[in-house]
Protein backbone atom coordinates (compact mmCIF):
# COMPACT_ATOMS: atom_id res chain seq x y z
CA LEU A 1 127.65 38.61 79.01
CA ASP A 2 124.85 39.78 80.52
CA ASP A 3 126.43 37.66 83.52
CA LEU A 4 129.25 39.57 83.66
CA LEU A 5 126.58 43.18 83.15
CA GLU A 6 124.87 41.78 86.35
CA LYS A 7 127.81 41.13 88.14
CA LEU A 8 129.04 44.74 87.34
CA LYS A 9 126.00 46.64 88.73
CA SER A 10 125.91 44.76 92.15
CA ASN A 11 129.41 46.03 92.25
CA LEU A 12 128.44 49.24 91.20
CA GLN A 13 125.11 49.18 93.64
CA GLU A 14 128.55 48.08 96.50
CA VAL A 15 130.63 50.88 96.37
CA GLN A 16 126.95 53.17 96.33
CA ALA A 17 126.47 51.73 99.79
CA ARG A 18 129.70 52.25 101.23
CA GLY A 19 129.52 56.52 99.47
CA GLY A 20 131.94 55.79 96.81
CA GLN A 21 131.79 58.07 93.89
CA MET A 22 132.09 56.69 90.67
CA ILE A 23 132.28 57.85 87.09
CA VAL A 24 131.09 54.40 84.70
CA PHE A 25 132.10 53.84 81.26
CA GLU A 26 129.33 52.74 78.74
CA ASP A 27 129.46 51.87 75.51
CA GLU A 28 125.10 52.00 73.68
CA GLN A 29 124.48 48.00 75.22
CA SER A 30 124.97 48.10 78.72
CA GLN A 31 122.28 50.45 79.13
CA LEU A 32 123.20 52.20 82.16
CA SER A 33 121.23 54.48 83.88
CA SER A 34 122.52 57.82 85.39
CA GLU A 35 120.01 58.12 88.21
CA ASN A 36 122.04 55.80 90.68
CA SER A 37 124.15 58.59 91.86
CA PHE A 38 126.81 57.40 89.52
CA THR A 39 128.62 59.39 86.06
CA VAL A 40 127.40 57.49 83.35
CA LEU A 41 129.99 58.48 80.34
CA LYS A 42 129.08 56.75 77.05
CA VAL A 43 131.67 55.61 74.89
CA THR A 44 130.57 55.34 71.32
CA SER A 45 132.67 52.84 68.97
CA ASN A 46 132.60 51.31 65.94
CA VAL A 47 135.10 48.51 66.92
CA GLY A 48 133.84 44.40 67.63
CA ARG A 49 133.60 43.73 71.36
CA ILE A 50 136.91 41.90 71.05
CA THR A 51 138.65 44.94 70.74
CA ALA A 52 136.08 47.42 72.46
CA PRO A 53 138.05 47.45 75.60
CA ILE A 54 141.36 48.77 74.52
CA THR A 55 138.98 52.14 73.47
CA PHE A 56 137.78 52.60 77.07
CA ASN A 57 141.20 51.73 78.54
CA ILE A 58 142.15 54.14 76.71
CA ALA A 59 140.20 57.38 77.79
CA LEU A 60 140.06 55.52 81.49
CA GLN A 61 143.63 56.62 80.92
CA LEU A 62 142.77 60.15 79.78
CA LEU A 63 140.57 60.99 82.80
CA SER A 64 142.73 59.35 84.94
CA TYR A 65 145.93 61.68 83.85
CA HIS A 66 144.27 64.38 84.15
CA VAL A 67 142.24 63.88 87.20
CA ALA A 68 145.88 63.87 88.20
CA LEU A 69 147.58 66.87 87.17
CA ILE A 70 144.40 68.50 88.87
CA LYS A 71 144.96 67.22 92.22
CA GLY A 72 149.15 67.88 91.62
CA THR A 73 150.48 64.18 91.79
CA ASP A 74 153.42 63.51 90.15
CA VAL A 75 152.61 61.15 87.26
CA ASP A 76 155.74 59.83 86.21
CA GLN A 77 156.73 59.33 89.88
CA PRO A 78 153.51 58.22 91.90
CA ARG A 79 153.93 57.83 95.14
CA ASN A 80 153.37 54.20 97.33
CA LEU A 81 153.58 52.87 94.33
CA ALA A 82 154.90 49.10 94.68
CA LYS A 83 154.62 45.92 92.94
CA SER A 84 151.65 42.66 94.09
CA VAL A 85 150.24 40.14 92.63
CA THR A 86 146.70 39.01 93.02
CA VAL A 87 145.22 35.46 93.23
CA GLU A 88 141.85 34.86 92.87
């Protein structure tokens, strides 16, 4: 997992270099610093490492939903929605 965290930090730096605004959800173990011009939201949960992504996903979905409502976006029928397949 440390390798993935280092890759994530590298990706955050790429977004920052392009002037992106970031909100990062983290647990206690990631130890990201909010000094890097991104907002860090700590999500604490007493679940295991396997189920922790579910907790983070719920927080992200709620944030996305409320941001869409604030922006006046129709959350039930988003514009430009298209199915796509990405192959890595």
